[in-house]
PDB file of N, CA and C in Angstrom:
ATOM      1  N   MET A   1     -50.732  38.755  23.928  1.00  0.00           N
ATOM      2  CA  MET A   1     -49.988  39.946  23.999  1.00  0.00           C
ATOM      3  C   MET A   1     -51.172  41.114  23.989  1.00  0.00           C
ATOM      4  N   ALA A   2     -51.172  42.044  25.390  1.00  0.00           N
ATOM      5  CA  ALA A   2     -52.126  43.138  25.411  1.00  0.00           C
ATOM      6  C   ALA A   2     -51.445  44.230  24.545  1.00  0.00           C
ATOM      7  N   VAL A   3     -52.020  44.972  24.025  1.00  0.00           N
ATOM      8  CA  VAL A   3     -51.512  46.236  23.488  1.00  0.00           C
ATOM      9  C   VAL A   3     -51.777  47.465  24.441  1.00  0.00           C
ATOM     10  N   PRO A   4     -50.663  48.247  24.468  1.00  0.00           N
ATOM     11  CA  PRO A   4     -50.644  49.055  25.355  1.00  0.00           C
ATOM     12  C   PRO A   4     -52.089  50.160  25.083  1.00  0.00           C
ATOM     13  N   LYS A   5     -52.432  51.038  26.163  1.00  0.00           N
ATOM     14  CA  LYS A   5     -53.439  51.835  26.189  1.00  0.00           C
ATOM     15  C   LYS A   5     -53.054  52.884  25.116  1.00  0.00           C
ATOM     16  N   SER A   6     -51.926  53.128  25.200  1.00  0.00           N
ATOM     17  CA  SER A   6     -51.288  54.348  24.086  1.00  0.00           C
ATOM     18  C   SER A   6     -50.953  53.660  22.721  1.00  0.00           C
ATOM     19  N   ALA A   7     -52.190  53.063  22.238  1.00  0.00           N
ATOM     20  CA  ALA A   7     -51.389  52.215  20.910  1.00  0.00           C
ATOM     21  C   ALA A   7     -50.922  52.978  19.773  1.00  0.00           C
ATOM     22  N   PRO A   8     -49.876  52.227  19.175  1.00  0.00           N
ATOM     23  CA  PRO A   8     -49.056  53.121  18.219  1.00  0.00           C
ATOM     24  C   PRO A   8     -49.902  53.350  16.944  1.00  0.00           C
ATOM     25  N   ARG A   9     -50.016  54.350  15.940  1.00  0.00           N
ATOM     26  CA  ARG A   9     -50.394  54.553  15.213  1.00  0.00           C
ATOM     27  C   ARG A   9     -50.005  54.033  13.911  1.00  0.00           C
ATOM     28  N   ILE A  10     -50.455  52.757  13.403  1.00  0.00           N
ATOM     29  CA  ILE A  10     -49.658  52.145  12.088  1.00  0.00           C
ATOM     30  C   ILE A  10     -50.508  51.908  10.959  1.00  0.00           C
ATOM     31  N   ILE A  11     -50.132  52.281   9.809  1.00  0.00           N
ATOM     32  CA  ILE A  11     -50.496  52.414   8.547  1.00  0.00           C
ATOM     33  C   ILE A  11     -49.623  51.280   7.830  1.00  0.00           C
ATOM     34  N   VAL A  12     -50.225  50.491   7.180  1.00  0.00           N
ATOM     35  CA  VAL A  12     -49.438  49.430   6.002  1.00  0.00           C
ATOM     36  C   VAL A  12     -50.103  50.112   4.720  1.00  0.00           C
ATOM     37  N   PHE A  13     -48.881  50.527   3.643  1.00  0.00           N
ATOM     38  CA  PHE A  13     -49.250  50.598   2.208  1.00  0.00           C
ATOM     39  C   PHE A  13     -49.164  49.406   1.636  1.00  0.00           C
ATOM     40  N   SER A  14     -50.100  48.732   0.790  1.00  0.00           N
ATOM     41  CA  SER A  14     -49.887  47.457   0.477  1.00  0.00           C
ATOM     42  C   SER A  14     -50.905  47.477  -1.258  1.00  0.00           C
ATOM     43  N   THR A  15     -50.657  46.157  -1.399  1.00  0.00           N
ATOM     44  CA  THR A  15     -51.464  45.860  -2.820  1.00  0.00           C
ATOM     45  C   THR A  15     -52.096  44.532  -2.615  1.00  0.00           C
ATOM     46  N   PRO A  16     -53.108  43.814  -3.025  1.00  0.00           N
ATOM     47  CA  PRO A  16     -54.118  43.134  -3.047  1.00  0.00           C
ATOM     48  C   PRO A  16     -52.942  41.475  -3.191  1.00  0.00           C
ATOM     49  N   SER A  17     -51.737  41.918  -4.466  1.00  0.00           N
ATOM     50  CA  SER A  17     -51.075  40.658  -5.121  1.00  0.00           C
ATOM     51  C   SER A  17     -49.961  40.630  -4.045  1.00  0.00           C
ATOM     52  N   CYS A  18     -49.510  41.378  -3.081  1.00  0.00           N
ATOM     53  CA  CYS A  18     -48.335  41.075  -2.682  1.00  0.00           C
ATOM     54  C   CYS A  18     -47.885  40.258  -1.684  1.00  0.00           C
ATOM     55  N   PRO A  19     -47.476  39.308  -1.730  1.00  0.00           N
ATOM     56  CA  PRO A  19     -47.317  38.235  -0.776  1.00  0.00           C
ATOM     57  C   PRO A  19     -46.733  38.842   0.560  1.00  0.00           C
ATOM     58  N   TRP A  20     -45.656  39.664   0.492  1.00  0.00           N
ATOM     59  CA  TRP A  20     -45.042  40.163   1.566  1.00  0.00           C
ATOM     60  C   TRP A  20     -45.937  41.174   2.375  1.00  0.00           C
ATOM     61  N   CYS A  21     -46.645  42.070   1.561  1.00  0.00           N
ATOM     62  CA  CYS A  21     -47.654  42.672   2.559  1.00  0.00           C
ATOM     63  C   CYS A  21     -48.499  41.975   3.254  1.00  0.00           C
ATOM     64  N   ASN A  22     -49.283  40.810   2.862  1.00  0.00           N
ATOM     65  CA  ASN A  22     -50.254  39.822   3.640  1.00  0.00           C
ATOM     66  C   ASN A  22     -49.471  39.198   4.525  1.00  0.00           C
ATOM     67  N   LYS A  23     -48.092  39.219   4.364  1.00  0.00           N
ATOM     68  CA  LYS A  23     -47.256  38.578   5.829  1.00  0.00           C
ATOM     69  C   LYS A  23     -47.152  39.438   6.728  1.00  0.00           C
ATOM     70  N   VAL A  24     -46.797  40.693   6.348  1.00  0.00           N
ATOM     71  CA  VAL A  24     -46.745  41.919   7.396  1.00  0.00           C
ATOM     72  C   VAL A  24     -47.723  42.200   8.223  1.00  0.00           C
ATOM     73  N   LYS A  25     -49.100  41.717   7.551  1.00  0.00           N
ATOM     74  CA  LYS A  25     -50.544  42.535   8.048  1.00  0.00           C
ATOM     75  C   LYS A  25     -50.866  41.372   8.943  1.00  0.00           C
ATOM     76  N   ARG A  26     -50.420  40.018   8.496  1.00  0.00           N
ATOM     77  CA  ARG A  26     -50.928  38.626   9.209  1.00  0.00           C
ATOM     78  C   ARG A  26     -50.078  38.979  10.570  1.00  0.00           C
ATOM     79  N   TYR A  27     -48.428  39.203  10.382  1.00  0.00           N
ATOM     80  CA  TYR A  27     -47.688  39.358  11.714  1.00  0.00           C
ATOM     81  C   TYR A  27     -48.536  40.373  12.829  1.00  0.00           C
ATOM     82  N   LEU A  28     -48.700  41.545  12.249  1.00  0.00           N
ATOM     83  CA  LEU A  28     -49.214  42.579  13.239  1.00  0.00           C
ATOM     84  C   LEU A  28     -50.475  42.034  13.831  1.00  0.00           C
ATOM     85  N   ARG A  29     -51.334  41.119  13.241  1.00  0.00           N
ATOM     86  CA  ARG A  29     -52.700  40.760  13.579  1.00  0.00           C
ATOM     87  C   ARG A  29     -52.090  39.796  14.885  1.00  0.00           C
ATOM     88  N   GLU A  30     -51.309  38.793  14.244  1.00  0.00           N
ATOM     89  CA  GLU A  30     -50.908  37.834  15.328  1.00  0.00           C
ATOM     90  C   GLU A  30     -50.527  38.554  16.523  1.00  0.00           C
ATOM     91  N   LYS A  31     -49.928  39.857  16.485  1.00  0.00           N
ATOM     92  CA  LYS A  31     -49.319  40.311  17.639  1.00  0.00           C
ATOM     93  C   LYS A  31     -49.989  41.132  18.460  1.00  0.00           C
ATOM     94  N   GLY A  32     -51.308  41.374  17.875  1.00  0.00           N
ATOM     95  CA  GLY A  32     -52.554  42.054  18.552  1.00  0.00           C
ATOM     96  C   GLY A  32     -52.753  43.686  18.172  1.00  0.00           C
ATOM     97  N   PHE A  33     -51.817  43.980  17.038  1.00  0.00           N
ATOM     98  CA  PHE A  33     -51.842  45.250  16.851  1.00  0.00           C
ATOM     99  C   PHE A  33     -53.095  45.879  15.537  1.00  0.00           C
ATOM    100  N   ARG A  34     -53.829  46.711  15.921  1.00  0.00           N
ATOM    101  CA  ARG A  34     -54.703  47.303  14.711  1.00  0.00           C
ATOM    102  C   ARG A  34     -53.696  48.328  13.751  1.00  0.00           C
ATOM    103  N   PHE A  35     -53.989  48.343  12.605  1.00  0.00           N
ATOM    104  CA  PHE A  35     -53.569  49.068  11.969  1.00  0.00           C
ATOM    105  C   PHE A  35     -54.526  49.614  10.478  1.00  0.00           C
ATOM    106  N   ARG A  36     -54.192  50.525   9.616  1.00  0.00           N
ATOM    107  CA  ARG A  36     -55.027  51.038   8.914  1.00  0.00           C
ATOM    108  C   ARG A  36     -54.112  50.623   7.491  1.00  0.00           C
ATOM    109  N   ASP A  37     -54.933  49.541   6.708  1.00  0.00           N
ATOM    110  CA  ASP A  37     -54.640  49.129   5.425  1.00  0.00           C
ATOM    111  C   ASP A  37     -55.015  49.829   4.058  1.00  0.00           C
ATOM    112  N   VAL A  38     -53.770  50.490   3.615  1.00  0.00           N
ATOM    113  CA  VAL A  38     -54.063  51.249   2.409  1.00  0.00           C
ATOM    114  C   VAL A  38     -53.426  50.779   1.145  1.00  0.00           C
ATOM    115  N   ASP A  39     -54.561  50.410   0.060  1.00  0.00           N
ATOM    116  CA  ASP A  39     -54.553  49.820  -1.065  1.00  0.00           C
ATOM    117  C   ASP A  39     -53.953  50.492  -1.897  1.00  0.00           C
ATOM    118  N   VAL A  40     -52.283  50.986  -2.135  1.00  0.00           N
ATOM    119  CA  VAL A  40     -52.158  52.068  -3.139  1.00  0.00           C
ATOM    120  C   VAL A  40     -52.471  51.623  -4.790  1.00  0.00           C
ATOM    121  N   SER A  41     -52.802  50.361  -4.993  1.00  0.00           N
ATOM    122  CA  SER A  41     -52.978  50.277  -6.451  1.00  0.00           C
ATOM    123  C   SER A  41     -54.660  50.986  -6.377  1.00  0.00           C
ATOM    124  N   LYS A  42     -55.367  51.091  -5.633  1.00  0.00           N
ATOM    125  CA  LYS A  42     -56.555  51.650  -5.708  1.00  0.00           C
ATOM    126  C   LYS A  42     -56.569  53.308  -5.222  1.00  0.00           C
ATOM    127  N   ASP A  43     -55.352  54.008  -4.558  1.00  0.00           N
ATOM    128  CA  ASP A  43     -55.416  55.156  -3.969  1.00  0.00           C
ATOM    129  C   ASP A  43     -54.024  55.550  -4.361  1.00  0.00           C
ATOM    130  N   GLU A  44     -54.089  56.470  -5.609  1.00  0.00           N
ATOM    131  CA  GLU A  44     -53.292  57.107  -6.400  1.00  0.00           C
ATOM    132  C   GLU A  44     -52.326  58.037  -5.513  1.00  0.00           C
ATOM    133  N   ARG A  45     -53.344  58.861  -4.581  1.00  0.00           N
ATOM    134  CA  ARG A  45     -52.496  59.946  -3.815  1.00  0.00           C
ATOM    135  C   ARG A  45     -51.660  59.340  -2.772  1.00  0.00           C
ATOM    136  N   ALA A  46     -52.454  58.084  -2.065  1.00  0.00           N
ATOM    137  CA  ALA A  46     -51.224  57.634  -1.142  1.00  0.00           C
ATOM    138  C   ALA A  46     -50.208  56.956  -1.731  1.00  0.00           C
ATOM    139  N   ALA A  47     -50.119  56.247  -3.205  1.00  0.00           N
ATOM    140  CA  ALA A  47     -48.946  55.872  -3.771  1.00  0.00           C
ATOM    141  C   ALA A  47     -47.762  57.161  -3.769  1.00  0.00           C
ATOM    142  N   ARG A  48     -48.565  58.041  -4.009  1.00  0.00           N
ATOM    143  CA  ARG A  48     -47.748  59.188  -4.012  1.00  0.00           C
ATOM    144  C   ARG A  48     -46.869  59.421  -2.834  1.00  0.00           C
ATOM    145  N   ASP A  49     -47.467  59.722  -1.880  1.00  0.00           N
ATOM    146  CA  ASP A  49     -47.205  59.796  -0.909  1.00  0.00           C
ATOM    147  C   ASP A  49     -46.359  58.859  -0.042  1.00  0.00           C
ATOM    148  N   VAL A  50     -46.185  57.752  -0.116  1.00  0.00           N
ATOM    149  CA  VAL A  50     -45.220  56.807   0.178  1.00  0.00           C
ATOM    150  C   VAL A  50     -44.171  57.182  -0.926  1.00  0.00           C
ATOM    151  N   VAL A  51     -43.825  57.437  -1.973  1.00  0.00           N
ATOM    152  CA  VAL A  51     -42.773  57.609  -2.714  1.00  0.00           C
ATOM    153  C   VAL A  51     -42.087  58.792  -2.317  1.00  0.00           C
ATOM    154  N   ARG A  52     -43.003  59.702  -1.763  1.00  0.00           N
ATOM    155  CA  ARG A  52     -42.469  61.166  -1.591  1.00  0.00           C
ATOM    156  C   ARG A  52     -41.847  60.997  -0.088  1.00  0.00           C
ATOM    157  N   ARG A  53     -42.253  60.343   0.746  1.00  0.00           N
ATOM    158  CA  ARG A  53     -41.916  59.793   2.206  1.00  0.00           C
ATOM    159  C   ARG A  53     -40.711  59.130   2.101  1.00  0.00           C
ATOM    160  N   THR A  54     -40.718  57.848   1.313  1.00  0.00           N
ATOM    161  CA  THR A  54     -39.493  56.932   1.446  1.00  0.00           C
ATOM    162  C   THR A  54     -38.842  56.906   0.284  1.00  0.00           C
ATOM    163  N   GLY A  55     -39.071  57.598  -1.153  1.00  0.00           N
ATOM    164  CA  GLY A  55     -38.251  56.933  -2.112  1.00  0.00           C
ATOM    165  C   GLY A  55     -38.399  55.675  -2.807  1.00  0.00           C
ATOM    166  N   GLN A  56     -39.772  54.951  -2.494  1.00  0.00           N
ATOM    167  CA  GLN A  56     -39.600  53.912  -3.043  1.00  0.00           C
ATOM    168  C   GLN A  56     -40.886  53.781  -3.551  1.00  0.00           C
ATOM    169  N   MET A  57     -40.899  52.797  -4.710  1.00  0.00           N
ATOM    170  CA  MET A  57     -42.144  52.664  -5.331  1.00  0.00           C
ATOM    171  C   MET A  57     -42.889  51.254  -4.885  1.00  0.00           C
ATOM    172  N   GLY A  58     -41.970  50.430  -4.291  1.00  0.00           N
ATOM    173  CA  GLY A  58     -42.448  49.006  -3.748  1.00  0.00           C
ATOM    174  C   GLY A  58     -43.060  48.939  -2.478  1.00  0.00           C
ATOM    175  N   VAL A  59     -43.819  47.938  -2.513  1.00  0.00           N
ATOM    176  CA  VAL A  59     -44.931  47.980  -0.765  1.00  0.00           C
ATOM    177  C   VAL A  59     -44.219  46.242  -0.440  1.00  0.00           C
ATOM    178  N   PRO A  60     -44.565  46.182   0.790  1.00  0.00           N
ATOM    179  CA  PRO A  60     -45.113  47.097   1.614  1.00  0.00           C
ATOM    180  C   PRO A  60     -44.538  48.053   2.247  1.00  0.00           C
ATOM    181  N   VAL A  61     -44.953  48.980   2.866  1.00  0.00           N
ATOM    182  CA  VAL A  61     -44.383  50.099   3.339  1.00  0.00           C
ATOM    183  C   VAL A  61     -45.446  50.292   4.662  1.00  0.00           C
ATOM    184  N   ILE A  62     -44.570  50.478   5.663  1.00  0.00           N
ATOM    185  CA  ILE A  62     -45.121  50.638   7.327  1.00  0.00           C
ATOM    186  C   ILE A  62     -44.745  51.622   7.772  1.00  0.00           C
ATOM    187  N   LEU A  63     -45.968  52.314   8.133  1.00  0.00           N
ATOM    188  CA  LEU A  63     -45.565  53.586   8.950  1.00  0.00           C
ATOM    189  C   LEU A  63     -45.988  53.352  10.378  1.00  0.00           C
ATOM    190  N   ILE A  64     -45.139  53.554  11.169  1.00  0.00           N
ATOM    191  CA  ILE A  64     -45.442  53.369  12.443  1.00  0.00           C
ATOM    192  C   ILE A  64     -44.960  54.435  13.006  1.00  0.00           C
ATOM    193  N   ASN A  65     -46.048  54.989  13.865  1.00  0.00           N
ATOM    194  CA  ASN A  65     -46.103  56.558  14.292  1.00  0.00           C
ATOM    195  C   ASN A  65     -45.106  57.518  13.547  1.00  0.00           C
ATOM    196  N   ASN A  66     -45.607  57.447  12.029  1.00  0.00           N
ATOM    197  CA  ASN A  66     -44.708  58.112  11.106  1.00  0.00           C
ATOM    198  C   ASN A  66     -43.446  57.810  10.675  1.00  0.00           C
ATOM    199  N   ARG A  67     -43.069  56.847  11.378  1.00  0.00           N
ATOM    200  CA  ARG A  67     -41.459  56.345  10.970  1.00  0.00           C
ATOM    201  C   ARG A  67     -41.980  55.251   9.959  1.00  0.00           C
ATOM    202  N   PRO A  68     -41.321  55.457   8.882  1.00  0.00           N
ATOM    203  CA  PRO A  68     -41.561  54.532   7.772  1.00  0.00           C
ATOM    204  C   PRO A  68     -40.586  53.340   7.715  1.00  0.00           C
ATOM    205  N   ILE A  69     -41.126  52.218   7.511  1.00  0.00           N
ATOM    206  CA  ILE A  69     -40.142  50.752   7.394  1.00  0.00           C
ATOM    207  C   ILE A  69     -40.652  50.284   5.959  1.00  0.00           C
ATOM    208  N   VAL A  70     -39.623  50.055   5.233  1.00  0.00           N
ATOM    209  CA  VAL A  70     -39.743  49.640   3.682  1.00  0.00           C
ATOM    210  C   VAL A  70     -39.857  48.141   3.684  1.00  0.00           C
ATOM    211  N   GLY A  71     -40.455  47.267   3.056  1.00  0.00           N
ATOM    212  CA  GLY A  71     -40.611  45.957   3.163  1.00  0.00           C
ATOM    213  C   GLY A  71     -40.894  45.147   4.695  1.00  0.00           C
ATOM    214  N   PHE A  72     -40.693  44.162   4.475  1.00  0.00           N
ATOM    215  CA  PHE A  72     -41.196  43.276   5.823  1.00  0.00           C
ATOM    216  C   PHE A  72     -39.671  43.219   6.778  1.00  0.00           C
ATOM    217  N   ASN A  73     -39.432  44.128   7.215  1.00  0.00           N
ATOM    218  CA  ASN A  73     -38.151  44.111   8.144  1.00  0.00           C
ATOM    219  C   ASN A  73     -38.674  44.107   9.737  1.00  0.00           C
ATOM    220  N   LYS A  74     -38.744  42.724  10.083  1.00  0.00           N
ATOM    221  CA  LYS A  74     -39.325  42.284  10.942  1.00  0.00           C
ATOM    222  C   LYS A  74     -38.680  43.013  12.617  1.00  0.00           C
ATOM    223  N   ALA A  75     -37.333  42.891  12.441  1.00  0.00           N
ATOM    224  CA  ALA A  75     -36.421  43.372  13.445  1.00  0.00           C
ATOM    225  C   ALA A  75     -36.736  44.756  13.648  1.00  0.00           C
ATOM    226  N   GLU A  76     -37.245  45.772  12.505  1.00  0.00           N
ATOM    227  CA  GLU A  76     -37.660  47.025  13.015  1.00  0.00           C
ATOM    228  C   GLU A  76     -38.986  47.093  13.164  1.00  0.00           C
ATOM    229  N   ILE A  77     -39.601  46.451  12.766  1.00  0.00           N
ATOM    230  CA  ILE A  77     -41.193  46.277  13.314  1.00  0.00           C
ATOM    231  C   ILE A  77     -40.991  46.154  15.011  1.00  0.00           C
ATOM    232  N   ASP A  78     -40.167  44.900  15.248  1.00  0.00           N
ATOM    233  CA  ASP A  78     -40.340  44.512  16.688  1.00  0.00           C
ATOM    234  C   ASP A  78     -39.528  45.994  17.447  1.00  0.00           C
ATOM    235  N   ARG A  79     -38.736  46.356  16.599  1.00  0.00           N
ATOM    236  CA  ARG A  79     -37.985  47.466  18.048  1.00  0.00           C
ATOM    237  C   ARG A  79     -39.214  48.590  18.139  1.00  0.00           C
ATOM    238  N   LEU A  80     -39.832  48.889  16.785  1.00  0.00           N
ATOM    239  CA  LEU A  80     -40.657  50.326  16.849  1.00  0.00           C
ATOM    240  C   LEU A  80     -41.769  50.101  17.740  1.00  0.00           C
ATOM    241  N   LEU A  81     -42.372  48.616  17.616  1.00  0.00           N
ATOM    242  CA  LEU A  81     -43.546  48.341  18.485  1.00  0.00           C
ATOM    243  C   LEU A  81     -43.233  47.652  20.138  1.00  0.00           C
ATOM    244  N   ASN A  82     -42.086  47.605  20.220  1.00  0.00           N
ATOM    245  CA  ASN A  82     -41.459  46.712  21.545  1.00  0.00           C
ATOM    246  C   ASN A  82     -42.156  45.616  21.353  1.00  0.00           C
ATOM    247  N   ILE A  83     -41.814  44.736  20.682  1.00  0.00           N
ATOM    248  CA  ILE A  83     -42.148  43.507  20.651  1.00  0.00           C
ATOM    249  C   ILE A  83     -41.096  42.639  21.216  1.00  0.00           C
ATOM    250  N   ARG A  84     -41.279  41.878  22.024  1.00  0.00           N
ATOM    251  CA  ARG A  84     -40.079  41.020  22.365  1.00  0.00           C
ATOM    252  C   ARG A  84     -40.719  39.576  22.308  1.00  0.00           C
ATOM    253  N   ASN A  85     -39.697  38.612  21.671  1.00  0.00           N
ATOM    254  CA  ASN A  85     -40.230  37.290  21.172  1.00  0.00           C
ATOM    255  C   ASN A  85     -39.540  36.368  22.165  1.00  0.00           C
TER     256      ASN A  85
END
């Protein structure tokens, strides 16, 4: 599947030990999307930013064009990225 020219801006806030974070990243790669991975266990400022944006301390948090998704919510990811299965 080809990614459109105006590729969405995707940031995944994760930790290395989080299995759902790895599932999200694998899913995005399988669908051909590029993303920035931010390890909140090493980046304290990013961790605070996630809590400020979402009120959540858990990961993964995915930002798609600045719209937050908490957890591996595949339906919402598909909707925001126009993924048709």
